[in-house]
């Protein structure tokens, strides 16, 4: 049995406390009025304004300068509208940072659940010794689902402006969004989210119950049930995961759509999940647990990390290349925004998610070296966190983004909750699913 160490528990609580304080600071310091925004804009451009004024005095006469002042007065109304727009973006920033963290860690847990179901449906033998690690990671799913659902309810109450289609005034003046209101409306959105979450959580709890029961069973009835229900769950997952990606991410840009988007989110989800399985397994082995997990198991996990990193890149390139080549205005706007305002994270994540894993994990021997897997895994997780950041932020904060206290604190807060829930679950059951009929094959697995 695994014992949740007091040291790791302290780290988890410290992350939660530091993260909570930082998130609270982000909300507290967000501007609350147009006047606050105008003051911020004035302070940030004051130096540039003085230089520009000197340049105007040197190169223009008094008449032209007076005409410029009159022009500014005529545009004062549009200036107020611009300031109000910036206000909404800055108010969205702490909400968006929190949403990125909530979705990312929920995505890891959900991706692990899908990978776990695949192992049962495929009757895989190599991965049985890793089942308890997978089950522990999926134990975050109910907690993450509650946090996300509360977030969606708060969004529907107009405490933020992340989902613009939730604003009746926006819908009234936007024909395209209005035409989608049969699908994009708050009651149906929340109902769909509840259906997704209930289905995923049901399988997570039911599969855990059956594997624990199988440990002391005298027949394979529990194993057979889980095999059939895992296959059925995967059908449910494939449909709901695509719809979830449309609802929770793509609808942030309600004017844009991609038929590849569900697969693209899935690719990011599955590689992040497998990476987390590898990191937790290596941590436990370093603490003297999981003695039945050998280098071949870790090699296969690293092989999946490599393979799905390439898969993610294939989907990223396919989505980008087809939209770029077609050059349809309502499609390219998605990438124009990211190229203009998010070029560093948008292109940088290619290095983190593809180039680095490709170079490091290409060699088969490196896949058996724990510190290589850990280093690569950390880079991959950072890269896919940036991927989620780039999916969400352009639609919610526009060009008002930067990695600050809100972004870092949100990640720390949810990471602390994730660590606490996962390692508490590890301590609740034996680390070996000994009732599985393929347990001996898994213990003696060699690649």
Protein backbone atom coordinates (compact mmCIF):
# COMPACT_ATOMS: atom_id res chain seq x y z
CA UNK A 1 0.00 0.00 0.00
CA UNK A 2 1.17 3.48 -0.82
CA UNK A 3 1.40 6.03 2.00
CA UNK A 4 0.77 9.66 1.11
CA UNK A 5 3.82 11.31 2.63
CA UNK A 6 3.37 14.35 4.83
CA UNK A 7 6.05 16.15 2.80
CA UNK A 8 4.16 15.77 -0.48
CA UNK A 9 0.90 16.63 1.27
CA UNK A 10 2.51 19.83 2.56
CA UNK A 11 3.67 20.67 -0.96
CA UNK A 12 0.13 20.17 -2.27
CA UNK A 13 -1.37 22.44 0.38
CA UNK A 14 1.35 25.05 -0.15
CA UNK A 15 0.58 25.09 -3.89
CA UNK A 16 -3.12 25.50 -3.15
CA UNK A 17 -2.59 28.35 -0.69
CA UNK A 18 -0.08 30.24 -2.84
CA UNK A 19 -2.23 29.66 -5.92
CA UNK A 20 -5.42 30.81 -4.18
CA UNK A 21 -3.78 34.00 -2.96
CA UNK A 22 -2.43 34.74 -6.43
CA UNK A 23 -5.77 34.08 -8.09
CA UNK A 24 -7.51 36.34 -5.56
CA UNK A 25 -4.91 39.03 -6.26
CA UNK A 26 -5.58 38.73 -9.99
CA UNK A 27 -9.29 39.28 -9.51
CA UNK A 28 -8.75 42.06 -6.97
CA UNK A 29 -6.41 44.05 -9.22
CA UNK A 30 -8.50 43.72 -12.38
CA UNK A 31 -9.91 47.12 -13.49
CA UNK A 32 -13.51 47.74 -12.45
CA UNK A 33 -14.46 50.71 -14.65
CA UNK A 34 -13.74 52.43 -17.97
CA UNK A 35 -11.98 55.20 -16.04
CA UNK A 36 -9.54 52.65 -14.61
CA UNK A 37 -8.77 51.42 -18.11
CA UNK A 38 -8.28 54.93 -19.44
CA UNK A 39 -5.87 55.63 -16.58
CA UNK A 40 -3.93 52.42 -17.34
CA UNK A 41 -3.78 53.29 -21.04
CA UNK A 42 -2.66 56.82 -20.24
CA UNK A 43 0.12 55.63 -17.93
CA UNK A 44 1.34 52.96 -20.35
CA UNK A 45 1.47 55.34 -23.32
CA UNK A 46 2.56 58.51 -21.55
CA UNK A 47 6.22 58.25 -22.49
CA UNK A 48 5.38 57.39 -26.10
CA UNK A 49 2.89 60.24 -26.19
CA UNK A 50 5.53 62.77 -25.15
CA UNK A 51 7.88 61.60 -27.89
CA UNK A 52 5.09 61.70 -30.45
CA UNK A 53 4.08 65.21 -29.37
CA UNK A 54 7.64 66.48 -29.77
CA UNK A 55 7.81 64.94 -33.22
CA UNK A 56 4.50 66.59 -34.23
CA UNK A 57 5.65 70.02 -33.05
CA UNK A 58 8.81 69.72 -35.09
CA UNK A 59 7.17 68.57 -38.33
CA UNK A 60 3.68 70.16 -38.42
CA UNK A 61 2.36 73.70 -38.17
CA UNK A 62 -0.18 74.98 -35.65
CA UNK A 63 -3.13 74.54 -38.01
CA UNK A 64 -2.39 70.86 -38.57
CA UNK A 65 -1.96 70.30 -34.85
CA UNK A 66 -5.31 71.99 -34.13
CA UNK A 67 -6.94 69.82 -36.79
CA UNK A 68 -5.51 66.74 -35.05
CA UNK A 69 -6.99 67.85 -31.71
CA UNK A 70 -10.39 68.40 -33.32
CA UNK A 71 -10.16 64.97 -34.87
CA UNK A 72 -9.49 63.42 -31.47
CA UNK A 73 -12.52 65.17 -30.02
CA UNK A 74 -14.70 63.88 -32.84
CA UNK A 75 -13.49 60.35 -32.11
CA UNK A 76 -14.00 60.54 -28.34
CA UNK A 77 -17.08 58.35 -28.50
CA UNK A 78 -15.25 55.60 -30.33
CA UNK A 79 -12.44 55.99 -27.81
CA UNK A 80 -14.86 55.30 -24.97
CA UNK A 81 -16.09 52.20 -26.80
CA UNK A 82 -12.52 51.03 -27.23
CA UNK A 83 -11.82 51.57 -23.53
CA UNK A 84 -14.93 49.58 -22.63
CA UNK A 85 -13.77 46.77 -24.91
CA UNK A 86 -10.35 46.76 -23.21
CA UNK A 87 -12.12 46.73 -19.83
CA UNK A 88 -13.94 43.52 -20.72
CA UNK A 89 -10.72 41.92 -21.93
CA UNK A 90 -8.79 42.83 -18.77
CA UNK A 91 -11.67 41.67 -16.56
CA UNK A 92 -11.65 38.39 -18.48
CA UNK A 93 -7.94 37.84 -17.87
CA UNK A 94 -8.07 36.24 -14.37
CA UNK A 95 -11.13 34.23 -15.40
CA UNK A 96 -9.38 33.02 -18.53
CA UNK A 97 -6.23 32.09 -16.63
CA UNK A 98 -8.31 30.05 -14.20
CA UNK A 99 -10.22 28.43 -17.06
CA UNK A 100 -6.99 27.35 -18.77
CA UNK A 101 -5.83 25.62 -15.58
CA UNK A 102 -9.22 24.01 -14.88
CA UNK A 103 -9.52 22.65 -18.40
CA UNK A 104 -5.90 21.46 -18.63
CA UNK A 105 -5.93 19.30 -15.50
CA UNK A 106 -9.43 18.04 -16.22
CA UNK A 107 -8.20 17.14 -19.71
CA UNK A 108 -5.34 15.09 -18.24
CA UNK A 109 -7.73 13.12 -16.05
CA UNK A 110 -10.22 12.57 -18.89
CA UNK A 111 -7.47 11.54 -21.31
CA UNK A 112 -6.18 9.03 -18.75
CA UNK A 113 -9.69 7.61 -18.43
CA UNK A 114 -9.88 7.14 -22.21
CA UNK A 115 -6.44 5.47 -22.30
CA UNK A 116 -7.48 3.24 -19.38
CA UNK A 117 -10.67 2.23 -21.18
CA UNK A 118 -8.68 1.42 -24.31
CA UNK A 119 -6.48 -0.96 -22.29
CA UNK A 120 -9.55 -2.84 -21.04
CA UNK A 121 -11.34 -2.89 -24.39
CA UNK A 122 -8.18 -4.10 -26.15
CA UNK A 123 -7.51 -6.64 -23.37
CA UNK A 124 -3.95 -5.35 -23.24
CA UNK A 125 -1.55 -7.26 -21.04
CA UNK A 126 1.48 -4.98 -20.76
CA UNK A 127 -0.30 -2.15 -18.93
CA UNK A 128 -2.05 -4.02 -16.10
CA UNK A 129 0.61 -3.08 -13.53
CA UNK A 130 -0.11 0.59 -14.29
CA UNK A 131 -3.87 0.37 -13.74
CA UNK A 132 -3.80 1.72 -10.19
CA UNK A 133 -1.79 4.74 -11.33
CA UNK A 134 -4.32 5.40 -14.10
CA UNK A 135 -7.24 4.99 -11.69
CA UNK A 136 -5.66 7.47 -9.27
CA UNK A 137 -5.22 10.08 -11.99
CA UNK A 138 -8.84 9.61 -13.10
CA UNK A 139 -9.98 10.16 -9.50
CA UNK A 140 -9.52 13.89 -10.15
CA UNK A 141 -12.32 13.70 -12.72
CA UNK A 142 -15.28 14.25 -10.30
CA UNK A 143 -13.48 17.11 -8.55
CA UNK A 144 -12.46 18.73 -11.82
CA UNK A 145 -15.96 18.31 -13.24
CA UNK A 146 -17.54 20.09 -10.27
CA UNK A 147 -15.06 22.96 -10.52
CA UNK A 148 -15.65 23.32 -14.26
CA UNK A 149 -19.43 23.13 -13.96
CA UNK A 150 -19.43 25.83 -11.27
CA UNK A 151 -17.27 27.92 -13.60
CA UNK A 152 -19.79 27.49 -16.42
CA UNK A 153 -22.67 28.46 -14.14
CA UNK A 154 -20.82 31.60 -13.05
CA UNK A 155 -20.15 32.41 -16.71
CA UNK A 156 -23.85 31.98 -17.52
CA UNK A 157 -24.63 34.48 -14.76
CA UNK A 158 -22.51 37.04 -16.69
CA UNK A 159 -19.75 37.30 -14.10
CA UNK A 160 -17.36 37.23 -17.05
CA UNK A 161 -17.47 37.75 -20.82
CA UNK A 162 -15.65 34.62 -21.95
CA UNK A 163 -18.54 33.09 -23.88
CA UNK A 164 -19.83 36.02 -25.92
CA UNK A 165 -22.83 34.04 -27.18
CA UNK A 166 -24.16 34.01 -23.59
CA UNK A 167 -24.74 37.78 -23.83
CA UNK A 168 -28.26 38.51 -25.18
CA UNK A 169 -27.15 41.93 -26.50
CA UNK A 170 -24.38 40.35 -28.56
CA UNK A 171 -26.75 37.74 -29.97
CA UNK A 172 -29.31 40.40 -30.86
CA UNK A 173 -26.81 42.30 -32.99
CA UNK A 174 -24.96 39.31 -34.50
CA UNK A 175 -26.88 37.37 -37.14
CA UNK A 176 -24.38 34.52 -37.30
CA UNK A 177 -24.46 33.85 -33.55
CA UNK A 178 -28.24 34.28 -33.55
CA UNK A 179 -28.52 31.52 -36.15
CA UNK A 180 -26.57 29.22 -33.83
CA UNK A 181 -28.69 30.02 -30.77
CA UNK A 182 -30.63 26.76 -31.10
CA UNK A 183 -27.42 24.99 -30.05
CA UNK A 184 -25.51 27.78 -28.31
CA UNK A 185 -27.85 28.73 -25.50
CA UNK A 186 -27.19 28.57 -21.77
CA UNK A 187 -29.73 25.89 -20.67
CA UNK A 188 -28.76 23.46 -23.44
CA UNK A 189 -25.05 24.19 -22.87
CA UNK A 190 -25.29 23.33 -19.16
CA UNK A 191 -27.43 20.25 -19.85
CA UNK A 192 -24.89 18.96 -22.36
CA UNK A 193 -22.03 19.61 -19.93
CA UNK A 194 -23.89 17.71 -17.20
CA UNK A 195 -24.51 14.75 -19.53
CA UNK A 196 -20.85 14.58 -20.54
CA UNK A 197 -19.63 14.77 -16.97
CA UNK A 198 -22.13 12.28 -15.55
CA UNK A 199 -21.24 9.73 -18.24
CA UNK A 200 -17.49 10.10 -17.72
CA UNK A 201 -17.72 10.03 -13.92
CA UNK A 202 -20.02 7.00 -13.98
CA UNK A 203 -17.49 4.98 -15.96
CA UNK A 204 -14.62 6.20 -13.80
CA UNK A 205 -16.30 5.11 -10.57
CA UNK A 206 -17.78 1.93 -12.03
CA UNK A 207 -14.50 0.74 -13.54
CA UNK A 208 -12.66 1.38 -10.29
CA UNK A 209 -15.30 -0.59 -8.39
CA UNK A 210 -15.06 -3.56 -10.77
CA UNK A 211 -11.24 -3.75 -10.73
CA UNK A 212 -11.16 -3.64 -6.93
CA UNK A 213 -13.84 -6.33 -6.77
CA UNK A 214 -11.87 -8.46 -9.23
CA UNK A 215 -8.88 -8.54 -6.83
CA UNK A 216 -10.75 -10.89 -4.48
CA UNK A 217 -13.07 -12.59 -7.00
CA UNK A 218 -12.99 -16.32 -7.77
CA UNK A 219 -14.14 -15.87 -11.38
CA UNK A 220 -13.73 -13.36 -14.20
CA UNK A 221 -17.25 -11.92 -14.18
CA UNK A 222 -16.09 -8.45 -13.10
CA UNK A 223 -13.35 -8.47 -15.71
CA UNK A 224 -15.82 -9.49 -18.43
CA UNK A 225 -18.26 -6.74 -17.43
CA UNK A 226 -15.52 -4.14 -17.52
CA UNK A 227 -14.35 -5.34 -20.94
CA UNK A 228 -17.83 -4.86 -22.43
CA UNK A 229 -18.55 -1.60 -20.67
CA UNK A 230 -15.17 -0.14 -21.62
CA UNK A 231 -15.93 -0.78 -25.28
CA UNK A 232 -19.33 0.91 -24.91
CA UNK A 233 -17.81 3.80 -22.99
CA UNK A 234 -15.30 4.49 -25.75
CA UNK A 235 -18.16 5.05 -28.20
CA UNK A 236 -19.75 7.48 -25.73
CA UNK A 237 -16.39 9.15 -25.14
CA UNK A 238 -15.59 9.70 -28.82
CA UNK A 239 -18.92 11.49 -29.36
CA UNK A 240 -18.94 13.52 -26.15
CA UNK A 241 -15.26 14.49 -26.34
CA UNK A 242 -15.80 16.08 -29.76
CA UNK A 243 -18.93 17.89 -28.58
CA UNK A 244 -17.14 18.99 -25.41
CA UNK A 245 -14.33 20.54 -27.46
CA UNK A 246 -16.90 22.45 -29.54
CA UNK A 247 -18.82 23.63 -26.49
CA UNK A 248 -16.03 24.45 -24.05
CA UNK A 249 -13.28 25.71 -26.38
CA UNK A 250 -14.41 26.33 -29.96
CA UNK A 251 -17.54 28.27 -28.93
CA UNK A 252 -15.25 30.91 -27.41
CA UNK A 253 -14.78 31.88 -31.08
CA UNK A 254 -18.43 31.49 -32.15
CA UNK A 255 -17.77 32.81 -35.67
CA UNK A 256 -15.12 30.15 -36.37
CA UNK A 257 -15.19 26.39 -36.69
CA UNK A 258 -12.95 23.50 -37.68
CA UNK A 259 -14.00 19.93 -38.45
CA UNK A 260 -10.65 18.73 -37.05
CA UNK A 261 -10.97 20.51 -33.73
CA UNK A 262 -12.31 17.58 -31.69
CA UNK A 263 -9.43 15.38 -32.82
CA UNK A 264 -6.93 18.16 -32.20
CA UNK A 265 -8.08 18.56 -28.59
CA UNK A 266 -8.06 14.78 -28.17
CA UNK A 267 -4.44 14.59 -29.36
CA UNK A 268 -3.37 17.18 -26.79
CA UNK A 269 -5.43 15.37 -24.17
CA UNK A 270 -4.05 11.87 -24.74
CA UNK A 271 -0.38 12.83 -24.92
CA UNK A 272 -0.69 14.91 -21.73
CA UNK A 273 -2.43 12.00 -20.00
CA UNK A 274 0.19 9.40 -20.97
CA UNK A 275 2.96 11.78 -19.94
CA UNK A 276 1.35 12.22 -16.52
CA UNK A 277 1.03 8.44 -16.11
CA UNK A 278 4.76 8.13 -16.83
CA UNK A 279 5.74 10.91 -14.41
CA UNK A 280 3.62 9.54 -11.54
CA UNK A 281 4.93 6.01 -12.14
CA UNK A 282 8.55 7.17 -12.11
CA UNK A 283 7.94 9.17 -8.94
CA UNK A 284 6.45 6.13 -7.19
CA UNK A 285 9.32 3.91 -8.35
CA UNK A 286 11.76 6.47 -6.98
CA UNK A 287 10.02 6.15 -3.60
CA UNK A 288 10.35 2.35 -3.60
CA UNK A 289 6.88 1.49 -4.89
CA UNK A 290 5.76 -0.16 -8.16
CA UNK A 291 8.62 -2.68 -8.05
CA UNK A 292 6.72 -4.70 -10.67
CA UNK A 293 6.97 -1.82 -13.19
CA UNK A 294 10.13 -2.30 -15.24
CA UNK A 295 12.03 -0.40 -17.92
CA UNK A 296 9.93 -1.99 -20.66
CA UNK A 297 6.72 -0.50 -19.23
CA UNK A 298 8.32 2.94 -19.09
CA UNK A 299 9.72 2.42 -22.59
CA UNK A 300 6.20 1.78 -23.89
CA UNK A 301 4.84 4.87 -22.14
CA UNK A 302 7.65 6.94 -23.66
CA UNK A 303 6.89 5.37 -27.02
CA UNK A 304 3.28 6.52 -26.72
CA UNK A 305 4.50 9.99 -25.70
CA UNK A 306 6.59 10.09 -28.85
CA UNK A 307 3.88 8.69 -31.12
CA UNK A 308 1.08 10.95 -29.91
CA UNK A 309 3.37 13.99 -30.07
CA UNK A 310 3.78 13.25 -33.77
CA UNK A 311 0.01 12.68 -34.04
CA UNK A 312 -0.67 16.05 -32.41
CA UNK A 313 1.72 17.73 -34.85
CA UNK A 314 0.02 16.04 -37.81
CA UNK A 315 -3.36 17.40 -36.71
CA UNK A 316 -1.94 20.85 -35.93
CA UNK A 317 -0.39 21.05 -39.39
CA UNK A 318 -3.46 19.61 -41.14
CA UNK A 319 -5.79 22.13 -39.53
CA UNK A 320 -3.43 25.04 -40.16
CA UNK A 321 -2.37 24.12 -43.70
CA UNK A 322 -5.87 23.50 -45.05
CA UNK A 323 -7.23 26.75 -43.64
CA UNK A 324 -4.18 28.72 -44.81
CA UNK A 325 -4.34 27.21 -48.30
CA UNK A 326 -8.09 27.80 -48.73
CA UNK A 327 -7.69 31.40 -47.45
CA UNK A 328 -11.38 31.81 -46.61
CA UNK A 329 -11.71 35.01 -44.53
CA UNK A 330 -14.02 33.61 -41.84
CA UNK A 331 -11.61 30.69 -41.34
CA UNK A 332 -8.20 32.37 -41.44
CA UNK A 333 -9.19 34.94 -38.82
CA UNK A 334 -8.48 32.27 -36.17
CA UNK A 335 -4.84 31.95 -37.19
CA UNK A 336 -4.36 35.62 -38.12
CA UNK A 337 -5.12 36.56 -34.51
CA UNK A 338 -2.68 34.00 -33.18
CA UNK A 339 0.06 34.98 -35.61
CA UNK A 340 -0.30 38.69 -34.92
CA UNK A 341 -0.75 38.69 -31.16
CA UNK A 342 0.42 35.24 -29.95
CA UNK A 343 3.26 34.40 -32.32
CA UNK A 344 5.75 33.38 -29.62
CA UNK A 345 3.51 30.87 -27.76
CA UNK A 346 1.75 29.76 -30.97
CA UNK A 347 4.95 28.81 -32.79
CA UNK A 348 6.92 28.09 -29.62
CA UNK A 349 4.62 25.24 -28.66
CA UNK A 350 5.71 23.43 -31.86
CA UNK A 351 9.20 23.24 -30.40
CA UNK A 352 7.90 22.08 -27.01
CA UNK A 353 5.33 19.60 -28.33
CA UNK A 354 7.06 18.25 -31.41
CA UNK A 355 10.72 19.15 -31.99
CA UNK A 356 11.95 18.45 -28.45
CA UNK A 357 10.10 15.11 -27.98
CA UNK A 358 11.14 14.06 -31.49
CA UNK A 359 14.83 14.68 -30.87
CA UNK A 360 14.91 13.22 -27.35
CA UNK A 361 12.58 10.21 -27.69
CA UNK A 362 13.60 9.13 -31.19
CA UNK A 363 16.36 6.96 -29.70
CA UNK A 364 14.95 3.76 -28.21
CA UNK A 365 17.59 3.63 -25.45
CA UNK A 366 16.59 7.06 -24.14
CA UNK A 367 13.06 5.79 -23.60
CA UNK A 368 14.42 3.58 -20.81
CA UNK A 369 16.24 6.36 -18.96
CA UNK A 370 14.00 7.77 -16.25
CA UNK A 371 15.45 11.26 -16.11
CA UNK A 372 15.14 11.58 -19.90
CA UNK A 373 11.47 10.66 -19.66
CA UNK A 374 10.91 13.08 -16.77
CA UNK A 375 12.63 16.00 -18.51
CA UNK A 376 10.78 15.35 -21.76
CA UNK A 377 7.50 14.87 -19.92
CA UNK A 378 7.76 18.20 -18.11
CA UNK A 379 8.49 19.97 -21.41
CA UNK A 380 5.53 18.21 -23.08
CA UNK A 381 3.14 19.18 -20.28
CA UNK A 382 4.31 22.81 -20.40
CA UNK A 383 3.90 22.75 -24.17
CA UNK A 384 0.35 21.47 -24.04
CA UNK A 385 -0.52 23.91 -21.28
CA UNK A 386 0.61 26.62 -23.71
CA UNK A 387 -1.50 24.91 -26.38
CA UNK A 388 -4.64 25.26 -24.23
CA UNK A 389 -3.59 28.82 -23.39
CA UNK A 390 -3.42 29.67 -27.11
CA UNK A 391 -6.80 28.00 -27.74
CA UNK A 392 -8.55 30.07 -25.05
CA UNK A 393 -6.81 33.41 -24.57
CA UNK A 394 -7.10 35.06 -28.03
CA UNK A 395 -10.90 34.79 -27.92
CA UNK A 396 -11.22 35.99 -24.34
CA UNK A 397 -8.46 38.56 -23.70
CA UNK A 398 -7.36 39.47 -27.24
CA UNK A 399 -4.01 41.22 -27.34
CA UNK A 400 -4.12 42.02 -23.61
CA UNK A 401 -2.33 38.80 -22.65
CA UNK A 402 0.86 38.06 -20.76
CA UNK A 403 2.07 35.37 -18.36
CA UNK A 404 1.59 37.01 -15.00
CA UNK A 405 0.44 36.32 -11.47
CA UNK A 406 -3.03 35.15 -12.53
CA UNK A 407 -1.70 32.60 -15.00
CA UNK A 408 0.98 31.18 -12.72
CA UNK A 409 -1.23 31.16 -9.62
CA UNK A 410 -4.11 29.43 -11.39
CA UNK A 411 -1.78 26.65 -12.52
CA UNK A 412 -0.36 26.27 -9.00
CA UNK A 413 -3.81 26.21 -7.38
CA UNK A 414 -5.22 23.47 -9.60
CA UNK A 415 -1.92 21.55 -9.58
CA UNK A 416 -2.08 21.46 -5.77
CA UNK A 417 -5.64 20.13 -5.85
CA UNK A 418 -4.67 17.61 -8.53
CA UNK A 419 -1.69 16.28 -6.54
CA UNK A 420 -3.73 15.99 -3.35
CA UNK A 421 -6.62 14.12 -4.98
CA UNK A 422 -4.43 11.78 -7.07
CA UNK A 423 -2.05 10.73 -4.31
CA UNK A 424 -4.88 10.37 -1.81
CA UNK A 425 -6.52 7.93 -4.23
CA UNK A 426 -3.24 6.02 -4.58
CA UNK A 427 -3.21 5.43 -0.83
CA UNK A 428 -6.72 3.96 -0.80
CA UNK A 429 -6.03 0.67 -2.62
CA UNK A 430 -3.18 -1.78 -3.33
CA UNK A 431 -0.93 -0.62 -6.16
CA UNK A 432 -1.28 -3.93 -8.01
CA UNK A 433 -4.50 -5.04 -9.73
CA UNK A 434 -3.79 -8.67 -8.87
CA UNK A 435 -7.18 -10.01 -9.96
CA UNK A 436 -6.64 -9.20 -13.64
CA UNK A 437 -6.09 -12.40 -15.73
CA UNK A 438 -3.15 -10.77 -17.54
CA UNK A 439 -1.29 -9.79 -14.38
CA UNK A 440 1.52 -12.33 -14.83
CA UNK A 441 2.02 -11.28 -18.43
CA UNK A 442 2.27 -7.67 -17.30
CA UNK A 443 4.71 -8.42 -14.47
CA UNK A 444 7.03 -10.28 -16.85
CA UNK A 445 6.59 -7.90 -19.74
CA UNK A 446 9.76 -7.34 -21.76
CA UNK A 447 10.23 -5.33 -24.91
